[in-house]
Amino acid sequence: MTAPSEAFAATLAGAIPTGRPLADWVRVHRDGVVEIRSGKVELGQGILTAFAQIAAEELDVGLARIRMTAAGTDISPDEGLTAGSLSVQTAGPTLRSVCAQVRAVLVAAAADRLGVAADDLVVDDGWVSTPTGGSVSYWQLPADELLDRPVTGTATPKPTSAYRVVGASVPRIDLPDKLLGRPRYVHDLAPAGLLFGRIVRPRSPGSTLVAADPAGALAIPGVVTVVHDGDFLGVVAEREEVAVRAADQLRSDTTWRAGATLPDEAELSAFLTAAPAETTVLAEHGELGAAATVLATYHRPYLAHGSIGLCSATALTTTGASPHLEVWTHSQGIYPLRRELARALTLPADAITVRHVEGAGCYGHNGADDVAMDAALLALAVPERPVQVVWSRADELAWAPFGPAATVRLAARVGPDGEVRAWHHEVWGNGHISRPGSLGSVALLAAGHLADGARIDPAMEPPLASGGGAGRNAVPGYAFPAYRSVNHRLLTMPLRTSAMRALGAFVNVFATESFLDELAVAAGRDPVEYRLAHLTDPRARAVLETAAARAGWGTDRRAESTGRGIGFARYKNSGAYCAVVAEVEAIEQVRVRRLTVVVDAGLVVNPDGAENQIEGGAVQATSWTLKERVRFDRCGVTSDSWQTYPILRFSEVPSVAVAFLDAAGNPSLGVGEAAQGPTAAAIGNAVFDALGVRVRSLPFTEEQIIAAMPD
């Protein structure tokens, strides 16, 4: 049997899946619509628009003819997870190859019908024409029959010099519905006979149920049933407000035995470095030599996804000769979720259909899979009627998986000129992956609360070849003569952790780029010049130099208590290159005034969409860097509201200027997570420039800044 970590890594592979029918990806309809069925899902990142552009380009049809179909396990190819900023980078080439083959097949069929050589034909908006005026359209050909043949992976796509649609900024296809308030989200689903469910959670991760009296909830008019299995409690009602009231009543009629299972938050960093851990050397090069001459420790707290929208799912159980469970969800992996639901519910996978419907964006593993399990359990209790579950704000902030807290220790040996001779990077924290299918245990919240359920295993680490987790960007991208990178994955998991945008790259880049600034200051050298002295990759040098130039680095005098800092990284050492210059004001609090971001992402399919991704990532990273921190006591999470878990407000959003370097013939690289680490580092370095205080623990609150001041 394939190990969970190996299976997870396989979901991120980018090889073209030969042998599957072309029709799994492309359908040509008689009305002139070309349907594209991707296994990747729309999370608000604009991926379906980029895929529509790729398909229109390769098929030579107008973009208006392309219809992107939402992913479902009954109609879409299994392309694993939509994660890791890899959709354009890995699934894009698959779609490009498939569409190139579809075009070749259709053009060959048109040549046979028109009685000419295929090389003599021209295709324009799906019409295949001869030099003498004869023509036939794709939709006039027997496309269903023609596309019932396997993908070969050998078709030759267009050269980039021939592109007309790819590389152009086009309007996002998902935005009109959202801007006009049309039903589009999973919360908007309203199938006939819809019931509403709510879940009553334990008081804390270590709590166990002592007693639950459902009588009060069942007495409320409109309540259909109460579901009780082990520590799992849920209610189902005819109306949403009734479900909320019934859940409140059931909560008050339930007794829990609390367990103090969490570490002391004030000593979190010490806990991380002392807890039992699995140690892995990620990479090493050269001889480290003598003891390091400079050392520093950096810390990131647990982070919540903090989506404005709440997680939701709808499920329907049908009985009869072939009982079936259907789930509508905003999961990032419909096939992995189906397999996990089958495992949790002891159902065959083919008895479950999972359909993707857009929901709250999260760019990581939030509660979308968990709420799908909640809805499934309630739907099994009321066959033939769909049940919709929406999480509460407290559920979102206290029960969804968190981005792991981490401690990073860096050490460097420097020469007389201040340049790095040896570099040592160590990370302590939980793993970054507990998505469905990644662990030995069932990785769904409610499954662990069932009477026969098991606690979710500690989060795992994908291999570095697949991007890594805690070790992401822990291997330096600079040309240091010697380096060693080590990851210590905790074997206990006080709070459930999993993927959050950029994974370990956020803290590793923050630490690396902050430490480089410290070394530059100690050497009396300019931070930009110091980085360039350690960079040999010309693309890396170009983004760094361009960002500095666009931000006016070193050319102006700034007011007191303002500062400027820079951060750089190539995401995962294999994705997009990104450099950020931050301008901050640090008087009563740190305020980021402007971010200048320069990116090399190779071929950019939709420049406007890519710019949105970089800008959004930079703003989110600003929120993490300045404000966000999960708070907890020994029993559970206490930051379960916007008051206790503040995020960046619209009035605090900095000006963000994004520029992309020319592709120069390079293939597409993912952009969704490229800006997070460089933004945090740039802000930290700017705070030092403004105040002369090096803050190594996130977030940069007044409390943390005061703690960092020298005695």
Foldseek 3Di string as FASTA:
>chain_A
DDALLVVQLVLLDQDQDWPAFLQLAWDAALVLAIEGAEQFADQPLLLQVLLLLLLCFLQQADSVRYDYDFYKPVRHDASFFNADLCCCVRVVLNSNQSSNVLNVLLLVVFCVVVVHDSVQWDDHNQWIAGPVGDIDGSSNDPSVVSRRGIRDSPGDGDAPVPRDQFQAADDRPPVVCVVVVHDFFQVSDDDPQEKEKEWQAAPFPQKFWDDWDLVVLVPQPFWDDWDDFGQTTMTIGSDHVSNVVSSVVRNVRTDIDFDLADDAPVCVAVCLVPFAWDKDWQDKAADQPDFFDDKDKFKAFWFALPFPFWFKKKWAWADDPQIAIEIEWQGRRQVLLLVLLCVLVVHPSVRYMYTYTHTTRRNWFWQGSQNRSVQRVVNVVPHPHMYMYTYDLLCRQFPIAIQKIKMKMKTFHADPLLATQEIEIEMTIAWAALPRSNDPARSHDVSCNGPPHNDRFTGDWRRLVSQIALCRCQPDPWQHNIYIYMYIHHRDPSGHHHHGFLGNLQLNQLVVLLVLLVSCVVSVHDSLVSRVVGHDPPVLNVQSVVQCVVVVPPNDDDDAQKFKFKTWDAGSSPFKTKMKIWIWHQDPFIATAEIEMEIEFARRRHVVSLVVLLLVLLQQLVFFQAFAHFDDRSRTTDQSDCVSGPGDDPVRGHHYHYYYDYNVSPRGGRRNRRNNNGSNNGSQRGSCRNPVFRQRYDHRGPVSRVVRDDD
